[in-house]
Amino acid sequence: MDDRTIARTQARMIRAAISDAGLGVRELWGEYRRSGGEVDELEVDAYLHHALHLVPRHRDSLARVTNRMVPDARVPCSRDLRPIDGMSET
């Protein structure tokens, strides 16, 4: 999987998890900021709707925050979605 595909997959999973939990972008962003996040709320919202690409460290922070806020969420970090070196992508 390339980085853009990984980003879209993470965004889709985050969006689904917070929506299923009855949370919004503002709650996610607030917790993300409290945990040291650097991206503003509008950028997080744009990322979750595939309108902005975030680098892996910001995406992974959002994934970890989502997993803390939504106990049943299992949003993977970007490295967990990358193919293993030496193996072909299918």
N, C-alpha and C. Protein backbone atom coordinates (compact mmCIF):
# COMPACT_ATOMS: atom_id res chain seq x y z
N MET A 1 0.85 -1.17 0.00
CA MET A 1 0.00 0.00 0.00
C MET A 1 0.90 1.23 0.00
N ASP A 2 0.58 2.20 -0.84
CA ASP A 2 1.37 3.44 -0.83
C ASP A 2 0.86 4.37 0.28
N ASP A 3 1.61 5.44 0.55
CA ASP A 3 1.30 6.31 1.67
C ASP A 3 -0.07 6.99 1.54
N ARG A 4 -0.45 7.37 0.34
CA ARG A 4 -1.77 8.01 0.14
C ARG A 4 -2.90 7.03 0.47
N THR A 5 -2.75 5.80 0.06
CA THR A 5 -3.75 4.78 0.35
C THR A 5 -3.81 4.51 1.85
N ILE A 6 -2.65 4.44 2.48
CA ILE A 6 -2.59 4.24 3.93
C ILE A 6 -3.30 5.39 4.64
N ALA A 7 -3.02 6.62 4.20
CA ALA A 7 -3.64 7.80 4.81
C ALA A 7 -5.15 7.75 4.69
N ARG A 8 -5.64 7.40 3.53
CA ARG A 8 -7.10 7.33 3.31
C ARG A 8 -7.73 6.22 4.15
N THR A 9 -7.03 5.11 4.27
CA THR A 9 -7.54 4.00 5.08
C THR A 9 -7.63 4.41 6.55
N GLN A 10 -6.57 5.03 7.07
CA GLN A 10 -6.60 5.50 8.45
C GLN A 10 -7.71 6.52 8.66
N ALA A 11 -7.84 7.47 7.75
CA ALA A 11 -8.87 8.51 7.88
C ALA A 11 -10.25 7.89 7.91
N ARG A 12 -10.50 6.95 7.02
CA ARG A 12 -11.80 6.29 6.97
C ARG A 12 -12.09 5.55 8.27
N MET A 13 -11.09 4.87 8.81
CA MET A 13 -11.27 4.12 10.05
C MET A 13 -11.49 5.05 11.25
N ILE A 14 -10.75 6.15 11.29
CA ILE A 14 -10.93 7.13 12.37
C ILE A 14 -12.32 7.73 12.30
N ARG A 15 -12.71 8.15 11.12
CA ARG A 15 -14.04 8.76 10.92
C ARG A 15 -15.14 7.80 11.35
N ALA A 16 -15.04 6.55 10.96
CA ALA A 16 -16.05 5.55 11.33
C ALA A 16 -16.08 5.33 12.84
N ALA A 17 -14.92 5.24 13.46
CA ALA A 17 -14.86 4.98 14.91
C ALA A 17 -15.47 6.12 15.71
N ILE A 18 -15.11 7.36 15.38
CA ILE A 18 -15.66 8.46 16.16
C ILE A 18 -17.15 8.64 15.88
N SER A 19 -17.56 8.41 14.67
CA SER A 19 -18.98 8.51 14.32
C SER A 19 -19.79 7.46 15.07
N ASP A 20 -19.32 6.23 15.06
CA ASP A 20 -20.02 5.14 15.76
C ASP A 20 -20.11 5.41 17.26
N ALA A 21 -19.12 6.13 17.80
CA ALA A 21 -19.11 6.44 19.23
C ALA A 21 -19.90 7.71 19.56
N GLY A 22 -20.45 8.35 18.53
CA GLY A 22 -21.22 9.58 18.75
C GLY A 22 -20.34 10.79 19.01
N LEU A 23 -19.10 10.72 18.58
CA LEU A 23 -18.16 11.83 18.76
C LEU A 23 -18.00 12.58 17.45
N GLY A 24 -17.48 13.79 17.55
CA GLY A 24 -17.22 14.57 16.37
C GLY A 24 -15.76 14.93 16.25
N VAL A 25 -15.45 15.64 15.20
CA VAL A 25 -14.08 16.06 14.94
C VAL A 25 -13.57 16.95 16.08
N ARG A 26 -14.42 17.80 16.61
CA ARG A 26 -14.00 18.71 17.68
C ARG A 26 -13.51 17.94 18.91
N GLU A 27 -14.22 16.88 19.29
CA GLU A 27 -13.78 16.09 20.45
C GLU A 27 -12.47 15.37 20.15
N LEU A 28 -12.37 14.81 18.96
CA LEU A 28 -11.13 14.14 18.57
C LEU A 28 -9.98 15.13 18.57
N TRP A 29 -10.19 16.28 17.94
CA TRP A 29 -9.13 17.27 17.85
C TRP A 29 -8.72 17.76 19.24
N GLY A 30 -9.70 18.00 20.11
CA GLY A 30 -9.38 18.49 21.46
C GLY A 30 -8.47 17.52 22.21
N GLU A 31 -8.81 16.24 22.14
CA GLU A 31 -7.98 15.23 22.82
C GLU A 31 -6.61 15.12 22.14
N TYR A 32 -6.59 15.20 20.84
CA TYR A 32 -5.34 15.18 20.08
C TYR A 32 -4.44 16.34 20.51
N ARG A 33 -5.00 17.54 20.61
CA ARG A 33 -4.21 18.71 21.04
C ARG A 33 -3.69 18.54 22.46
N ARG A 34 -4.55 18.03 23.35
CA ARG A 34 -4.12 17.82 24.74
C ARG A 34 -2.98 16.81 24.83
N SER A 35 -2.89 15.92 23.86
CA SER A 35 -1.82 14.92 23.87
C SER A 35 -0.59 15.38 23.07
N GLY A 36 -0.57 16.67 22.71
CA GLY A 36 0.60 17.22 22.04
C GLY A 36 0.49 17.39 20.55
N GLY A 37 -0.69 17.14 19.99
CA GLY A 37 -0.88 17.26 18.54
C GLY A 37 -0.65 18.68 18.04
N GLU A 38 -0.16 18.80 16.83
CA GLU A 38 0.23 20.09 16.27
C GLU A 38 -0.67 20.58 15.14
N VAL A 39 -1.56 19.73 14.65
CA VAL A 39 -2.40 20.07 13.50
C VAL A 39 -3.68 20.71 14.02
N ASP A 40 -4.15 21.76 13.34
CA ASP A 40 -5.36 22.44 13.84
C ASP A 40 -6.63 21.69 13.44
N GLU A 41 -7.73 22.10 14.04
CA GLU A 41 -9.01 21.39 13.86
C GLU A 41 -9.45 21.33 12.40
N LEU A 42 -9.31 22.42 11.68
CA LEU A 42 -9.72 22.45 10.28
C LEU A 42 -8.90 21.45 9.46
N GLU A 43 -7.61 21.36 9.74
CA GLU A 43 -6.76 20.41 9.02
C GLU A 43 -7.15 18.96 9.34
N VAL A 44 -7.48 18.69 10.60
CA VAL A 44 -7.91 17.33 10.97
C VAL A 44 -9.20 16.99 10.22
N ASP A 45 -10.14 17.92 10.21
CA ASP A 45 -11.40 17.69 9.51
C ASP A 45 -11.15 17.45 8.01
N ALA A 46 -10.30 18.25 7.41
CA ALA A 46 -9.98 18.09 5.98
C ALA A 46 -9.32 16.73 5.74
N TYR A 47 -8.42 16.33 6.61
CA TYR A 47 -7.77 15.02 6.47
C TYR A 47 -8.80 13.89 6.53
N LEU A 48 -9.71 13.97 7.51
CA LEU A 48 -10.70 12.91 7.68
C LEU A 48 -11.63 12.79 6.49
N HIS A 49 -11.73 13.85 5.70
CA HIS A 49 -12.58 13.83 4.52
C HIS A 49 -11.76 13.77 3.22
N HIS A 50 -10.52 13.33 3.34
CA HIS A 50 -9.62 13.09 2.20
C HIS A 50 -9.31 14.35 1.40
N ALA A 51 -9.39 15.51 2.03
CA ALA A 51 -9.10 16.76 1.33
C ALA A 51 -7.70 17.29 1.66
N LEU A 52 -7.01 16.64 2.60
CA LEU A 52 -5.68 17.08 3.01
C LEU A 52 -4.87 15.85 3.39
N HIS A 53 -3.64 15.81 2.96
CA HIS A 53 -2.74 14.70 3.30
C HIS A 53 -1.92 15.10 4.52
N LEU A 54 -1.92 14.26 5.55
CA LEU A 54 -1.07 14.47 6.71
C LEU A 54 0.06 13.47 6.70
N VAL A 55 1.19 13.87 7.25
CA VAL A 55 2.34 12.97 7.34
C VAL A 55 2.03 11.88 8.37
N PRO A 56 2.73 10.75 8.28
CA PRO A 56 2.43 9.62 9.16
C PRO A 56 2.43 9.95 10.66
N ARG A 57 3.33 10.76 11.13
CA ARG A 57 3.37 11.01 12.59
C ARG A 57 2.10 11.68 13.08
N HIS A 58 1.52 12.58 12.30
CA HIS A 58 0.26 13.22 12.69
C HIS A 58 -0.90 12.24 12.58
N ARG A 59 -0.92 11.46 11.52
CA ARG A 59 -1.98 10.45 11.34
C ARG A 59 -1.94 9.42 12.46
N ASP A 60 -0.74 8.97 12.78
CA ASP A 60 -0.60 7.95 13.82
C ASP A 60 -1.01 8.49 15.18
N SER A 61 -0.73 9.76 15.45
CA SER A 61 -1.18 10.37 16.70
C SER A 61 -2.70 10.39 16.76
N LEU A 62 -3.34 10.75 15.64
CA LEU A 62 -4.80 10.73 15.59
C LEU A 62 -5.35 9.31 15.78
N ALA A 63 -4.68 8.33 15.21
CA ALA A 63 -5.10 6.94 15.36
C ALA A 63 -5.01 6.51 16.82
N ARG A 64 -3.90 6.84 17.49
CA ARG A 64 -3.74 6.48 18.90
C ARG A 64 -4.78 7.16 19.77
N VAL A 65 -5.04 8.44 19.52
CA VAL A 65 -6.06 9.17 20.28
C VAL A 65 -7.43 8.53 20.06
N THR A 66 -7.74 8.20 18.83
CA THR A 66 -9.02 7.54 18.54
C THR A 66 -9.14 6.24 19.31
N ASN A 67 -8.09 5.45 19.32
CA ASN A 67 -8.11 4.17 20.03
C ASN A 67 -8.28 4.35 21.53
N ARG A 68 -7.76 5.44 22.08
CA ARG A 68 -7.96 5.73 23.51
C ARG A 68 -9.38 6.19 23.78
N MET A 69 -9.92 7.03 22.91
CA MET A 69 -11.25 7.60 23.11
C MET A 69 -12.37 6.58 22.85
N VAL A 70 -12.14 5.69 21.94
CA VAL A 70 -13.16 4.71 21.53
C VAL A 70 -12.57 3.32 21.81
N PRO A 71 -12.89 2.75 22.96
CA PRO A 71 -12.25 1.49 23.36
C PRO A 71 -12.34 0.36 22.33
N ASP A 72 -13.42 0.30 21.55
CA ASP A 72 -13.54 -0.78 20.56
C ASP A 72 -12.83 -0.47 19.25
N ALA A 73 -12.32 0.75 19.10
CA ALA A 73 -11.63 1.14 17.86
C ALA A 73 -10.30 0.40 17.75
N ARG A 74 -9.96 0.05 16.56
CA ARG A 74 -8.68 -0.61 16.29
C ARG A 74 -8.06 0.05 15.06
N VAL A 75 -7.80 1.34 15.17
CA VAL A 75 -7.20 2.07 14.05
C VAL A 75 -5.70 1.81 14.08
N PRO A 76 -5.15 1.22 13.04
CA PRO A 76 -3.72 0.90 13.02
C PRO A 76 -2.86 2.12 12.73
N CYS A 77 -1.63 2.05 13.19
CA CYS A 77 -0.64 3.06 12.82
C CYS A 77 -0.20 2.77 11.38
N SER A 78 0.38 3.76 10.75
CA SER A 78 0.74 3.63 9.34
C SER A 78 1.71 2.47 9.10
N ARG A 79 2.66 2.26 9.99
CA ARG A 79 3.64 1.18 9.78
C ARG A 79 2.97 -0.19 9.75
N ASP A 80 1.83 -0.32 10.44
CA ASP A 80 1.12 -1.59 10.47
C ASP A 80 0.37 -1.87 9.17
N LEU A 81 0.20 -0.84 8.34
CA LEU A 81 -0.49 -1.01 7.06
C LEU A 81 0.47 -1.12 5.88
N ARG A 82 1.75 -0.93 6.13
CA ARG A 82 2.75 -1.03 5.07
C ARG A 82 3.09 -2.49 4.82
N PRO A 83 3.33 -2.83 3.55
CA PRO A 83 3.74 -4.21 3.27
C PRO A 83 5.11 -4.49 3.89
N ILE A 84 5.33 -5.73 4.23
CA ILE A 84 6.62 -6.15 4.79
C ILE A 84 7.66 -6.03 3.68
N ASP A 85 8.84 -5.50 4.01
CA ASP A 85 9.92 -5.37 3.02
C ASP A 85 10.21 -6.70 2.36
N GLY A 86 10.35 -6.66 1.07
CA GLY A 86 10.67 -7.85 0.31
C GLY A 86 9.45 -8.61 -0.17
N MET A 87 8.29 -8.25 0.31
CA MET A 87 7.06 -8.93 -0.12
C MET A 87 6.35 -8.03 -1.13
N SER A 88 5.80 -8.63 -2.12
CA SER A 88 5.10 -7.82 -3.15
C SER A 88 3.75 -7.40 -2.63
N GLU A 89 3.30 -6.24 -3.12
CA GLU A 89 1.98 -5.74 -2.77
C GLU A 89 0.96 -6.49 -3.62
N THR A 90 -0.15 -6.86 -3.00
CA THR A 90 -1.21 -7.54 -3.76
C THR A 90 -2.49 -6.77 -3.65
